[in-house]
Amino acid sequence: MTRPNPVKRIIKRSLQHVAARVGPHTHSSGSPRLLVLMYHRILPADDPRNWLEEPGMVVTPESFRQHLDTVNQYFETVKLSDWLARKSGGQPLPEMACAITFDDGWADNYEFAFPVLQELSVPATIFLVADMLGTNAMFWPERLARTVTTIAETHSQQWSHPLLEWLRTADTSYLFSSDAPSQEQISDIIASVKILPDTEIHQRIDNIETEIGLDSDRETASLLSWEQVNEMITTGVVEAGSHTSHHIRLNADTPEEVLQQEIFDSRKIIEQHTGKEANTFCFPNGDYCPQALAMVKQHYACAVTTRSGWNTSTTDNYQLRRIGIHEDIASDRTAFLARISGWL
């Protein structure tokens, strides 16, 4: 593995200190602003669930607590739906507001994030992949990471198999050998195959899993159960939003009936299971076509994207910006403050 360049590391740290000290969180702008933070998984560093996860998906419980302590010093924390309701109703908005969001609905959100949210009285929105909750189903990036790692460790001679041609020609630093890929190389592989539609990726992984004898599901559930979701909602700390039914990217090549299922049916499923309104939406992978955006506007009060930055009272409710947080870029207070500045 290539070691970080020490000069670049020093320059990066210096820039972090500057951003942490003079970023937009340190001064008044004279008008309301909303910072939306995007989390995925909260896992201890030694948790085995880290092994097949992309580095940009995970924050440790210790770092998460530190993040919330820091947020409470600079911001008024709000539920996303409450901020939107105040905006729509013409009510005063906090000058510095922060909304915490989680994508996908991982079980570890309940295990490790929920207790901290309760203790520190910080509200959050969890965007749920409605049809996958309470099942052992895996997202295709997980399946692909497990498949590549399994082949490298036990079936490396099969890299020449025709079913794997699409991976071998991928634009990635991994050499598809008997050495298991690093987490960074797994991220490269995942990013490289996103040029294909989700349905095609799933089918190709299905074929490989069948060839090497892998089940398409986990042995145990990695996503939340509806019981866990309802327990969190009952406390008033957490609200549920939609992240589609099956985490399908809402691109221009997605059929209209699939858009309907992913956008509208997901809300119905969440509301049936929770008895609560689910009027916030999150675009998978940040992707959406004009038709998908129009459909979301018909059924929800707002939508969040993966575009980085802060929001103002004039930001489009259906194209809200967020700043993604993960351990590699926010492992201490200075790095976290630099990250939320939106400058780094």
Protein backbone atom coordinates (compact mmCIF):
# COMPACT_ATOMS: atom_id res chain seq x y z
CA MET A 1 0.00 0.00 0.00
CA THR A 2 1.34 3.47 -0.89
CA ARG A 3 2.16 5.60 2.14
CA PRO A 4 0.68 9.11 2.30
CA ASN A 5 3.04 11.84 1.14
CA PRO A 6 4.18 13.59 4.37
CA VAL A 7 4.29 17.01 2.70
CA LYS A 8 0.76 16.65 1.39
CA ARG A 9 -0.35 15.46 4.82
CA ILE A 10 1.12 18.57 6.47
CA ILE A 11 -0.47 20.87 3.90
CA LYS A 12 -3.84 19.16 4.29
CA ARG A 13 -3.69 19.44 8.08
CA SER A 14 -2.78 23.12 7.85
CA LEU A 15 -5.75 23.77 5.58
CA GLN A 16 -7.99 21.88 8.00
CA HIS A 17 -6.92 24.16 10.84
CA VAL A 18 -7.70 27.24 8.77
CA ALA A 19 -11.13 25.95 7.69
CA ALA A 20 -11.95 24.89 11.25
CA ARG A 21 -11.15 28.36 12.60
CA VAL A 22 -12.73 30.62 9.97
CA GLY A 23 -15.32 28.44 8.18
CA PRO A 24 -18.96 29.51 7.81
CA HIS A 25 -19.84 27.84 11.11
CA THR A 26 -17.80 30.49 12.95
CA HIS A 27 -19.62 33.64 11.90
CA SER A 28 -23.04 35.09 11.24
CA SER A 29 -24.28 35.47 7.70
CA GLY A 30 -27.29 37.60 8.60
CA SER A 31 -29.73 35.08 7.12
CA PRO A 32 -30.87 31.53 7.99
CA ARG A 33 -28.64 28.65 6.92
CA LEU A 34 -29.13 24.90 7.11
CA LEU A 35 -26.29 22.39 7.23
CA VAL A 36 -27.38 18.82 6.48
CA LEU A 37 -24.91 16.09 7.43
CA MET A 38 -24.97 12.75 5.62
CA TYR A 39 -24.01 9.60 7.52
CA HIS A 40 -24.35 5.96 6.55
CA ARG A 41 -22.91 3.49 9.06
CA ILE A 42 -21.80 3.87 12.69
CA LEU A 43 -19.49 0.96 13.54
CA PRO A 44 -16.64 0.31 16.00
CA ALA A 45 -13.25 0.10 14.31
CA ASP A 46 -12.91 -3.60 15.11
CA ASP A 47 -16.43 -4.57 14.05
CA PRO A 48 -16.27 -7.33 11.37
CA ARG A 49 -18.99 -5.54 9.41
CA ASN A 50 -16.30 -3.04 8.41
CA TRP A 51 -14.41 -5.59 6.36
CA LEU A 52 -16.43 -5.33 3.16
CA GLU A 53 -17.52 -1.74 3.58
CA GLU A 54 -16.26 1.23 1.60
CA PRO A 55 -14.16 3.65 3.71
CA GLY A 56 -16.50 6.53 2.87
CA MET A 57 -19.44 4.78 4.52
CA VAL A 58 -18.34 4.43 8.15
CA VAL A 59 -17.87 6.55 11.28
CA THR A 60 -16.94 5.10 14.68
CA PRO A 61 -19.29 5.65 17.65
CA GLU A 62 -16.56 7.69 19.37
CA SER A 63 -16.20 10.03 16.41
CA PHE A 64 -19.97 10.29 16.03
CA ARG A 65 -20.34 11.43 19.64
CA GLN A 66 -17.58 13.98 19.12
CA HIS A 67 -19.33 15.25 15.98
CA LEU A 68 -22.62 15.76 17.80
CA ASP A 69 -20.91 17.48 20.74
CA THR A 70 -19.31 19.86 18.25
CA VAL A 71 -22.54 20.42 16.32
CA ASN A 72 -24.33 21.33 19.56
CA GLN A 73 -21.78 24.07 20.18
CA TYR A 74 -22.38 25.83 16.87
CA PHE A 75 -25.89 24.94 15.68
CA GLU A 76 -29.49 24.48 16.62
CA THR A 77 -30.15 20.86 15.69
CA VAL A 78 -33.44 20.26 13.89
CA LYS A 79 -35.37 17.50 12.22
CA LEU A 80 -35.31 18.05 8.50
CA SER A 81 -39.12 17.99 8.25
CA ASP A 82 -39.47 20.52 11.07
CA TRP A 83 -37.12 22.98 9.37
CA LEU A 84 -39.08 22.63 6.13
CA ALA A 85 -42.40 23.08 7.94
CA ARG A 86 -41.16 26.27 9.57
CA LYS A 87 -39.89 27.53 6.23
CA SER A 88 -43.15 26.71 4.42
CA GLY A 89 -45.21 28.27 7.21
CA GLY A 90 -43.28 31.52 7.13
CA GLN A 91 -42.00 31.01 10.69
CA PRO A 92 -38.62 32.29 11.85
CA LEU A 93 -35.74 29.96 10.99
CA PRO A 94 -32.58 29.45 13.06
CA GLU A 95 -29.63 31.41 11.75
CA MET A 96 -27.46 28.30 12.13
CA ALA A 97 -29.39 25.03 11.89
CA CYS A 98 -28.06 21.51 11.43
CA ALA A 99 -29.98 18.38 10.44
CA ILE A 100 -28.46 14.93 10.91
CA THR A 101 -29.37 12.33 8.27
CA PHE A 102 -28.58 8.65 7.74
CA ASP A 103 -28.91 6.85 4.41
CA ASP A 104 -30.11 3.26 3.86
CA GLY A 105 -31.35 2.21 7.32
CA TRP A 106 -28.48 0.12 8.69
CA ALA A 107 -29.03 -1.86 11.89
CA ASP A 108 -25.94 -0.23 13.38
CA ASN A 109 -27.79 3.10 13.32
CA TYR A 110 -29.99 1.62 16.05
CA GLU A 111 -27.11 -0.10 17.86
CA PHE A 112 -24.57 2.72 17.97
CA ALA A 113 -26.07 6.02 16.74
CA PHE A 114 -29.49 6.00 18.40
CA PRO A 115 -28.17 5.84 22.00
CA VAL A 116 -25.92 8.85 21.34
CA LEU A 117 -28.72 10.80 19.66
CA GLN A 118 -30.94 10.15 22.69
CA GLU A 119 -28.29 11.04 25.24
CA LEU A 120 -27.38 14.31 23.55
CA SER A 121 -30.98 15.14 22.51
CA VAL A 122 -30.07 15.48 18.85
CA PRO A 123 -32.85 14.70 16.34
CA ALA A 124 -32.16 12.82 13.12
CA THR A 125 -33.77 11.57 9.92
CA ILE A 126 -33.11 8.03 8.72
CA PHE A 127 -33.84 7.44 5.04
CA LEU A 128 -35.10 3.87 4.68
CA VAL A 129 -34.93 1.50 1.72
CA ALA A 130 -38.47 0.37 2.38
CA ASP A 131 -38.70 -3.08 0.76
CA MET A 132 -35.34 -4.21 2.11
CA LEU A 133 -35.91 -3.50 5.78
CA GLY A 134 -36.30 -6.56 7.98
CA THR A 135 -34.68 -8.80 5.35
CA ASN A 136 -31.21 -10.28 4.84
CA ALA A 137 -30.90 -8.64 1.43
CA MET A 138 -27.66 -6.91 0.47
CA PHE A 139 -27.05 -3.81 -1.62
CA TRP A 140 -25.16 -4.55 -4.81
CA PRO A 141 -21.94 -2.77 -3.69
CA GLU A 142 -21.82 -5.12 -0.69
CA ARG A 143 -22.48 -8.11 -2.89
CA LEU A 144 -19.80 -7.05 -5.34
CA ALA A 145 -17.23 -6.46 -2.58
CA ARG A 146 -17.92 -9.89 -1.10
CA THR A 147 -17.81 -11.56 -4.51
CA VAL A 148 -14.48 -10.02 -5.54
CA THR A 149 -12.92 -10.78 -2.16
CA THR A 150 -14.20 -14.38 -2.20
CA ILE A 151 -12.86 -15.04 -5.70
CA ALA A 152 -9.47 -13.58 -4.78
CA GLU A 153 -9.19 -15.73 -1.67
CA THR A 154 -10.62 -19.04 -2.87
CA HIS A 155 -11.29 -19.02 -6.63
CA SER A 156 -8.55 -16.79 -8.07
CA GLN A 157 -8.07 -19.16 -11.00
CA GLN A 158 -11.57 -18.16 -12.15
CA TRP A 159 -10.58 -14.58 -12.97
CA SER A 160 -10.31 -15.73 -16.59
CA HIS A 161 -13.95 -16.87 -16.61
CA PRO A 162 -16.09 -15.05 -19.23
CA LEU A 163 -18.58 -14.01 -16.53
CA LEU A 164 -15.86 -11.84 -14.99
CA GLU A 165 -14.77 -10.02 -18.15
CA TRP A 166 -16.78 -6.92 -17.18
CA LEU A 167 -14.81 -6.66 -13.93
CA ARG A 168 -11.38 -7.36 -15.40
CA THR A 169 -11.83 -4.51 -17.88
CA ALA A 170 -12.97 -2.09 -15.17
CA ASP A 171 -10.93 1.07 -14.68
CA THR A 172 -9.46 0.24 -11.28
CA SER A 173 -6.10 -0.17 -9.57
CA TYR A 174 -6.93 -3.73 -8.49
CA LEU A 175 -5.14 -6.40 -10.54
CA PHE A 176 -7.74 -9.17 -9.97
CA SER A 177 -5.28 -11.61 -8.46
CA SER A 178 -5.11 -13.93 -5.48
CA ASP A 179 -4.49 -10.91 -3.24
CA ALA A 180 -7.73 -9.64 -1.76
CA PRO A 181 -8.51 -6.03 -2.70
CA SER A 182 -8.07 -3.25 -0.14
CA GLN A 183 -11.07 -1.16 0.89
CA GLU A 184 -9.87 1.61 -1.41
CA GLN A 185 -9.64 -0.81 -4.33
CA ILE A 186 -13.12 -2.12 -3.56
CA SER A 187 -14.35 1.49 -3.78
CA ASP A 188 -12.61 1.84 -7.15
CA ILE A 189 -14.30 -1.31 -8.46
CA ILE A 190 -17.72 -0.20 -7.25
CA ALA A 191 -17.32 3.25 -8.79
CA SER A 192 -16.13 1.80 -12.10
CA VAL A 193 -19.22 -0.38 -12.65
CA LYS A 194 -21.73 2.38 -11.90
CA ILE A 195 -21.77 3.14 -15.61
CA LEU A 196 -24.13 0.14 -15.89
CA PRO A 197 -27.81 0.20 -14.87
CA ASP A 198 -28.58 -1.24 -11.43
CA THR A 199 -30.63 -4.09 -12.88
CA GLU A 200 -27.74 -5.18 -15.11
CA ILE A 201 -25.25 -5.00 -12.22
CA HIS A 202 -27.51 -7.17 -10.06
CA GLN A 203 -27.89 -9.70 -12.88
CA ARG A 204 -24.16 -9.92 -13.49
CA ILE A 205 -23.49 -10.41 -9.78
CA ASP A 206 -26.28 -13.03 -9.66
CA ASN A 207 -24.48 -14.99 -12.39
CA ILE A 208 -21.12 -14.85 -10.64
CA GLU A 209 -22.59 -15.80 -7.26
CA THR A 210 -24.27 -18.81 -8.84
CA GLU A 211 -21.01 -19.81 -10.50
CA ILE A 212 -18.99 -19.74 -7.26
CA GLY A 213 -21.77 -20.87 -4.92
CA LEU A 214 -22.52 -17.68 -2.98
CA ASP A 215 -25.96 -16.82 -1.60
CA SER A 216 -27.26 -13.41 -2.65
CA ASP A 217 -28.36 -12.63 0.94
CA ARG A 218 -26.45 -12.24 4.19
CA GLU A 219 -26.70 -14.90 6.89
CA THR A 220 -28.06 -12.23 9.24
CA ALA A 221 -29.86 -8.96 8.60
CA SER A 222 -27.66 -5.88 8.24
CA LEU A 223 -30.56 -3.45 7.94
CA LEU A 224 -33.01 -2.23 10.56
CA SER A 225 -36.11 -4.15 11.52
CA TRP A 226 -39.42 -2.34 11.60
CA GLU A 227 -39.53 -2.91 15.36
CA GLN A 228 -36.26 -0.99 15.72
CA VAL A 229 -37.52 1.78 13.44
CA ASN A 230 -40.69 2.19 15.47
CA GLU A 231 -38.82 2.19 18.77
CA MET A 232 -36.66 5.05 17.55
CA ILE A 233 -39.62 6.99 16.15
CA THR A 234 -41.59 6.58 19.37
CA THR A 235 -38.95 8.50 21.31
CA GLY A 236 -39.45 11.53 19.09
CA VAL A 237 -35.71 11.71 18.39
CA VAL A 238 -35.82 9.99 14.99
CA GLU A 239 -38.05 10.44 11.97
CA ALA A 240 -38.21 8.18 8.91
CA GLY A 241 -37.89 9.29 5.31
CA SER A 242 -37.85 7.38 2.05
CA HIS A 243 -34.72 6.21 0.23
CA THR A 244 -36.81 4.34 -2.38
CA SER A 245 -38.05 0.75 -2.21
CA HIS A 246 -34.94 -1.08 -3.50
CA HIS A 247 -32.21 1.59 -3.70
CA ILE A 248 -32.44 1.84 -7.48
CA ARG A 249 -30.78 4.88 -9.01
CA LEU A 250 -33.44 7.11 -10.56
CA ASN A 251 -31.76 7.78 -13.90
CA ALA A 252 -33.25 8.62 -17.28
CA ASP A 253 -33.20 4.95 -18.33
CA THR A 254 -35.34 3.89 -15.33
CA PRO A 255 -38.86 2.85 -16.56
CA GLU A 256 -41.77 4.97 -15.36
CA GLU A 257 -43.37 2.06 -13.49
CA VAL A 258 -40.11 1.51 -11.60
CA LEU A 259 -39.93 5.20 -10.71
CA GLN A 260 -43.46 4.97 -9.38
CA GLN A 261 -42.62 1.93 -7.28
CA GLU A 262 -39.40 3.37 -5.93
CA ILE A 263 -40.72 6.84 -5.18
CA PHE A 264 -44.41 6.52 -4.30
CA ASP A 265 -44.73 2.93 -3.10
CA SER A 266 -41.78 3.33 -0.72
CA ARG A 267 -43.61 6.10 1.12
CA LYS A 268 -46.72 3.96 1.44
CA ILE A 269 -44.71 1.04 2.86
CA ILE A 270 -43.00 3.22 5.47
CA GLU A 271 -46.23 4.85 6.56
CA GLN A 272 -48.01 1.51 6.78
CA HIS A 273 -45.30 0.13 9.07
CA THR A 274 -44.81 3.21 11.24
CA GLY A 275 -48.17 4.95 11.27
CA LYS A 276 -46.25 8.20 10.77
CA GLU A 277 -45.99 10.56 7.81
CA ALA A 278 -42.86 10.03 5.70
CA ASN A 279 -42.64 13.22 3.67
CA THR A 280 -38.88 13.50 3.14
CA PHE A 281 -36.97 11.76 0.34
CA CYS A 282 -33.36 10.88 -0.43
CA PHE A 283 -32.10 10.15 -3.97
CA PRO A 284 -29.99 6.95 -4.11
CA ASN A 285 -26.42 7.79 -5.09
CA GLY A 286 -27.65 11.37 -5.53
CA ASP A 287 -28.96 10.46 -9.00
CA TYR A 288 -32.22 11.71 -10.47
CA CYS A 289 -33.69 12.52 -13.85
CA PRO A 290 -36.26 15.30 -14.51
CA GLN A 291 -39.11 12.78 -14.42
CA ALA A 292 -37.97 11.41 -11.06
CA LEU A 293 -37.60 14.91 -9.63
CA ALA A 294 -41.10 15.84 -10.79
CA MET A 295 -42.54 12.68 -9.23
CA VAL A 296 -40.79 13.34 -5.92
CA LYS A 297 -42.24 16.85 -5.90
CA GLN A 298 -45.72 15.34 -6.20
CA HIS A 299 -45.34 13.07 -3.19
CA TYR A 300 -42.88 14.66 -0.75
CA ALA A 301 -42.17 17.94 1.05
CA CYS A 302 -38.46 17.88 0.26
CA ALA A 303 -35.58 15.80 -1.07
CA VAL A 304 -31.89 15.64 -0.24
CA THR A 305 -29.06 15.08 -2.71
CA THR A 306 -25.36 14.24 -2.43
CA ARG A 307 -24.31 17.67 -3.70
CA SER A 308 -21.97 19.19 -1.16
CA GLY A 309 -22.67 22.49 0.55
CA TRP A 310 -24.90 24.47 2.88
CA ASN A 311 -28.52 25.51 2.29
CA THR A 312 -30.31 28.84 2.69
CA SER A 313 -33.97 29.74 2.88
CA THR A 314 -33.96 30.11 -0.91
CA THR A 315 -32.49 26.68 -1.69
CA ASP A 316 -34.83 24.43 -3.69
CA ASN A 317 -36.56 22.14 -1.17
CA TYR A 318 -36.10 19.21 -3.56
CA GLN A 319 -32.40 19.68 -4.22
CA LEU A 320 -31.07 20.19 -0.71
CA ARG A 321 -27.32 19.93 -0.35
CA ARG A 322 -25.56 17.77 2.23
CA ILE A 323 -22.03 17.25 3.45
CA GLY A 324 -20.97 13.62 3.67
CA ILE A 325 -19.17 12.56 6.83
CA HIS A 326 -16.94 9.51 7.27
CA GLU A 327 -14.07 8.46 9.51
CA ASP A 328 -11.24 9.08 7.05
CA ILE A 329 -12.02 12.78 6.77
CA ALA A 330 -13.54 13.58 10.19
CA SER A 331 -11.73 11.54 12.83
CA ASP A 332 -11.09 14.50 15.14
CA ARG A 333 -12.66 17.85 15.95
CA THR A 334 -10.43 19.91 13.65
CA ALA A 335 -10.98 17.59 10.68
CA PHE A 336 -14.74 17.53 11.33
CA LEU A 337 -15.02 21.32 11.50
CA ALA A 338 -12.97 21.62 8.32
CA ARG A 339 -15.24 19.13 6.60
CA ILE A 340 -18.49 20.86 7.57
CA SER A 341 -17.07 24.17 6.34
CA GLY A 342 -17.67 22.81 2.86
CA TRP A 343 -14.23 23.99 1.79
CA LEU A 344 -12.36 20.67 1.95
